[in-house]
C-alpha atoms as a PDB file:
ATOM      1  CA  MET A   1     -24.399 117.941  24.151  1.00  0.00           C
ATOM      2  CA  LEU A   2     -27.391 115.980  22.831  1.00  0.00           C
ATOM      3  CA  ALA A   3     -25.220 112.932  22.133  1.00  0.00           C
ATOM      4  CA  HIS A   4     -23.923 113.092  25.708  1.00  0.00           C
ATOM      5  CA  GLY A   5     -27.476 113.164  27.053  1.00  0.00           C
ATOM      6  CA  ALA A   6     -28.521 110.252  24.849  1.00  0.00           C
ATOM      7  CA  ALA A   7     -25.534 108.183  25.952  1.00  0.00           C
ATOM      8  CA  MET A   8     -26.351 108.963  29.593  1.00  0.00           C
ATOM      9  CA  ARG A   9     -29.953 107.865  29.104  1.00  0.00           C
ATOM     10  CA  PHE A  10     -28.955 104.565  27.481  1.00  0.00           C
ATOM     11  CA  PHE A  11     -26.292 103.948  30.136  1.00  0.00           C
ATOM     12  CA  LEU A  12     -28.729 104.499  33.014  1.00  0.00           C
ATOM     13  CA  THR A  13     -31.460 102.404  31.381  1.00  0.00           C
ATOM     14  CA  ARG A  14     -29.090  99.506  30.765  1.00  0.00           C
ATOM     15  CA  LEU A  15     -27.665  99.833  34.273  1.00  0.00           C
ATOM     16  CA  ALA A  16     -31.161  99.621  35.782  1.00  0.00           C
ATOM     17  CA  ASP A  17     -32.002  96.596  33.611  1.00  0.00           C
ATOM     18  CA  TRP A  18     -28.694  94.935  34.522  1.00  0.00           C
ATOM     19  CA  GLY A  19     -29.538  94.910  38.221  1.00  0.00           C
ATOM     20  CA  ALA A  20     -33.269  94.231  37.951  1.00  0.00           C
ATOM     21  CA  ALA A  21     -33.354  91.280  35.527  1.00  0.00           C
ATOM     22  CA  PRO A  22     -34.871  88.172  37.121  1.00  0.00           C
ATOM     23  CA  ALA A  23     -32.836  84.964  37.047  1.00  0.00           C
ATOM     24  CA  GLY A  24     -35.126  83.125  34.585  1.00  0.00           C
ATOM     25  CA  ALA A  25     -35.694  86.024  32.163  1.00  0.00           C
ATOM     26  CA  LEU A  26     -35.784  85.182  28.460  1.00  0.00           C
ATOM     27  CA  VAL A  27     -34.221  88.509  27.523  1.00  0.00           C
ATOM     28  CA  ARG A  28     -30.659  89.144  28.626  1.00  0.00           C
ATOM     29  CA  PRO A  29     -29.696  92.629  29.745  1.00  0.00           C
ATOM     30  CA  LYS A  30     -27.084  94.347  27.609  1.00  0.00           C
ATOM     31  CA  ASP A  31     -23.771  95.503  29.013  1.00  0.00           C
ATOM     32  CA  PRO A  32     -24.061  99.129  30.235  1.00  0.00           C
ATOM     33  CA  MET A  33     -20.279  99.640  30.060  1.00  0.00           C
ATOM     34  CA  GLU A  34     -20.506 100.146  26.282  1.00  0.00           C
ATOM     35  CA  TYR A  35     -22.292 103.425  26.914  1.00  0.00           C
ATOM     36  CA  GLU A  36     -19.985 104.319  29.789  1.00  0.00           C
ATOM     37  CA  ARG A  37     -17.153 104.339  27.259  1.00  0.00           C
ATOM     38  CA  LYS A  38     -19.231 106.506  24.924  1.00  0.00           C
ATOM     39  CA  LEU A  39     -19.904 108.893  27.813  1.00  0.00           C
ATOM     40  CA  ALA A  40     -16.167 109.163  28.428  1.00  0.00           C
ATOM     41  CA  VAL A  41     -15.644 110.149  24.783  1.00  0.00           C
ATOM     42  CA  HIS A  42     -18.386 112.780  25.010  1.00  0.00           C
ATOM     43  CA  ARG A  43     -16.992 114.143  28.283  1.00  0.00           C
ATOM     44  CA  ALA A  44     -13.570 114.488  26.668  1.00  0.00           C
ATOM     45  CA  GLY A  45     -15.136 116.291  23.705  1.00  0.00           C
ATOM     46  CA  LEU A  46     -17.079 118.661  25.958  1.00  0.00           C
ATOM     47  CA  SER A  47     -13.954 119.570  27.905  1.00  0.00           C
ATOM     48  CA  ILE A  48     -12.143 120.369  24.649  1.00  0.00           C
ATOM     49  CA  LEU A  49     -14.988 122.686  23.628  1.00  0.00           C
ATOM     50  CA  THR A  50     -15.142 124.491  26.971  1.00  0.00           C
ATOM     51  CA  ASP A  51     -11.350 124.926  27.066  1.00  0.00           C
ATOM     52  CA  ALA A  52     -11.396 126.570  23.629  1.00  0.00           C
ATOM     53  CA  VAL A  53     -13.907 129.230  24.642  1.00  0.00           C
END
């Protein structure tokens, strides 16, 4: 559950940075979809755990 929360936090932070980066910024925002895929893995793992109970 903690890994799911961490992935959600990173996904939302990257998503916010993706849309708010100014055109001339020196730092490029990272792709938030990497953490969306990690969230999907965690969601699948959580559903396996809740089905077993």
